[in-house]
């Protein structure tokens, strides 16, 4: 369950960064995730790279949670599903 929540947070952060576009003032933006500072000055041209990184991380956690779920279901073979 926690991997699914982490996946949602990662994808939402990617969408947030992707939506900035050229709406950045000054030397850049600070990127924070779950209260942790990733980078304090991300230039406008690098924002899509960070967004793609969050999308990829979200995809990885989604695949990991699907893998864990399928192993759990196949391992329980003769048992009734939860």
C-alpha atoms as a PDB file:
ATOM      1  CA  UNK A   1       0.000   0.000   0.000  1.00  0.00           C
ATOM      2  CA  UNK A   2       2.813   2.400   0.816  1.00  0.00           C
ATOM      3  CA  UNK A   3       4.405   1.845  -2.610  1.00  0.00           C
ATOM      4  CA  UNK A   4       1.115   2.801  -4.267  1.00  0.00           C
ATOM      5  CA  UNK A   5       0.979   6.009  -2.244  1.00  0.00           C
ATOM      6  CA  UNK A   6       4.617   6.768  -3.069  1.00  0.00           C
ATOM      7  CA  UNK A   7       3.830   6.168  -6.753  1.00  0.00           C
ATOM      8  CA  UNK A   8       0.990   8.680  -6.609  1.00  0.00           C
ATOM      9  CA  UNK A   9       3.197  11.281  -4.905  1.00  0.00           C
ATOM     10  CA  UNK A  10       5.981  10.808  -7.455  1.00  0.00           C
ATOM     11  CA  UNK A  11       3.651  11.142 -10.436  1.00  0.00           C
ATOM     12  CA  UNK A  12       1.946  14.191  -8.932  1.00  0.00           C
ATOM     13  CA  UNK A  13       5.320  15.863  -8.365  1.00  0.00           C
ATOM     14  CA  UNK A  14       6.273  15.084 -11.968  1.00  0.00           C
ATOM     15  CA  UNK A  15       3.031  16.640 -13.185  1.00  0.00           C
ATOM     16  CA  UNK A  16       3.588  19.688 -11.012  1.00  0.00           C
ATOM     17  CA  UNK A  17       7.083  20.209 -12.394  1.00  0.00           C
ATOM     18  CA  UNK A  18       5.922  19.590 -15.961  1.00  0.00           C
ATOM     19  CA  UNK A  19       3.186  22.222 -15.600  1.00  0.00           C
ATOM     20  CA  UNK A  20       5.657  24.983 -14.681  1.00  0.00           C
ATOM     21  CA  UNK A  21       6.753  25.396 -18.298  1.00  0.00           C
ATOM     22  CA  UNK A  22       8.293  28.857 -18.663  1.00  0.00           C
ATOM     23  CA  UNK A  23       6.575  30.287 -15.583  1.00  0.00           C
ATOM     24  CA  UNK A  24       9.825  30.526 -13.617  1.00  0.00           C
ATOM     25  CA  UNK A  25      11.269  33.752 -12.311  1.00  0.00           C
ATOM     26  CA  UNK A  26      14.806  34.435 -11.186  1.00  0.00           C
ATOM     27  CA  UNK A  27      17.567  31.874 -11.316  1.00  0.00           C
ATOM     28  CA  UNK A  28      15.289  28.842 -11.030  1.00  0.00           C
ATOM     29  CA  UNK A  29      13.105  26.928  -8.615  1.00  0.00           C
ATOM     30  CA  UNK A  30      13.704  24.732  -5.624  1.00  0.00           C
ATOM     31  CA  UNK A  31      12.570  21.137  -5.908  1.00  0.00           C
ATOM     32  CA  UNK A  32      11.264  19.552  -2.726  1.00  0.00           C
ATOM     33  CA  UNK A  33       9.797  16.073  -2.332  1.00  0.00           C
ATOM     34  CA  UNK A  34       8.108  14.930   0.885  1.00  0.00           C
ATOM     35  CA  UNK A  35       9.784  17.730   2.792  1.00  0.00           C
ATOM     36  CA  UNK A  36      13.271  16.941   1.513  1.00  0.00           C
ATOM     37  CA  UNK A  37      15.174  19.364  -0.661  1.00  0.00           C
ATOM     38  CA  UNK A  38      16.276  17.733  -3.920  1.00  0.00           C
ATOM     39  CA  UNK A  39      17.888  20.832  -5.435  1.00  0.00           C
ATOM     40  CA  UNK A  40      17.577  24.475  -4.438  1.00  0.00           C
ATOM     41  CA  UNK A  41      18.234  26.011  -7.872  1.00  0.00           C
ATOM     42  CA  UNK A  42      16.896  24.122 -10.868  1.00  0.00           C
ATOM     43  CA  UNK A  43      17.199  26.162 -14.039  1.00  0.00           C
ATOM     44  CA  UNK A  44      14.179  26.509 -16.311  1.00  0.00           C
ATOM     45  CA  UNK A  45      15.714  24.331 -19.023  1.00  0.00           C
ATOM     46  CA  UNK A  46      16.314  21.477 -16.533  1.00  0.00           C
ATOM     47  CA  UNK A  47      12.798  21.347 -15.058  1.00  0.00           C
ATOM     48  CA  UNK A  48      11.477  18.851 -17.673  1.00  0.00           C
ATOM     49  CA  UNK A  49      14.417  16.562 -16.880  1.00  0.00           C
ATOM     50  CA  UNK A  50      13.433  16.522 -13.209  1.00  0.00           C
ATOM     51  CA  UNK A  51       9.791  15.920 -14.164  1.00  0.00           C
ATOM     52  CA  UNK A  52      10.765  12.935 -16.326  1.00  0.00           C
ATOM     53  CA  UNK A  53      12.897  11.640 -13.458  1.00  0.00           C
ATOM     54  CA  UNK A  54       9.897  11.730 -11.128  1.00  0.00           C
ATOM     55  CA  UNK A  55       7.761   9.987 -13.760  1.00  0.00           C
ATOM     56  CA  UNK A  56      10.368   7.229 -14.148  1.00  0.00           C
ATOM     57  CA  UNK A  57      10.666   6.826 -10.378  1.00  0.00           C
ATOM     58  CA  UNK A  58       6.870   6.571 -10.190  1.00  0.00           C
ATOM     59  CA  UNK A  59       6.871   3.931 -12.912  1.00  0.00           C
ATOM     60  CA  UNK A  60       9.545   1.940 -11.053  1.00  0.00           C
ATOM     61  CA  UNK A  61       7.594   1.972  -7.787  1.00  0.00           C
ATOM     62  CA  UNK A  62       4.416   1.019  -9.675  1.00  0.00           C
ATOM     63  CA  UNK A  63       6.136  -1.954 -11.321  1.00  0.00           C
ATOM     64  CA  UNK A  64       7.651  -2.987  -7.995  1.00  0.00           C
ATOM     65  CA  UNK A  65       4.275  -2.904  -6.260  1.00  0.00           C
ATOM     66  CA  UNK A  66       2.667  -4.914  -9.095  1.00  0.00           C
ATOM     67  CA  UNK A  67       5.474  -7.484  -8.880  1.00  0.00           C
ATOM     68  CA  UNK A  68       5.086  -7.839  -5.130  1.00  0.00           C
ATOM     69  CA  UNK A  69       1.312  -8.160  -5.447  1.00  0.00           C
ATOM     70  CA  UNK A  70       1.492 -10.850  -8.136  1.00  0.00           C
ATOM     71  CA  UNK A  71       4.080 -12.847  -6.181  1.00  0.00           C
ATOM     72  CA  UNK A  72       1.888 -12.640  -3.120  1.00  0.00           C
ATOM     73  CA  UNK A  73      -1.151 -13.838  -5.052  1.00  0.00           C
ATOM     74  CA  UNK A  74       0.675 -16.701  -6.820  1.00  0.00           C
ATOM     75  CA  UNK A  75       2.422 -17.800  -3.626  1.00  0.00           C
ATOM     76  CA  UNK A  76      -0.863 -18.147  -1.800  1.00  0.00           C
ATOM     77  CA  UNK A  77      -2.051 -20.572  -4.570  1.00  0.00           C
ATOM     78  CA  UNK A  78      -4.529 -22.785  -2.721  1.00  0.00           C
ATOM     79  CA  UNK A  79      -5.499 -20.182  -0.142  1.00  0.00           C
ATOM     80  CA  UNK A  80      -8.460 -17.925  -0.622  1.00  0.00           C
ATOM     81  CA  UNK A  81      -7.655 -14.370  -1.760  1.00  0.00           C
ATOM     82  CA  UNK A  82      -7.579 -11.631   0.800  1.00  0.00           C
END
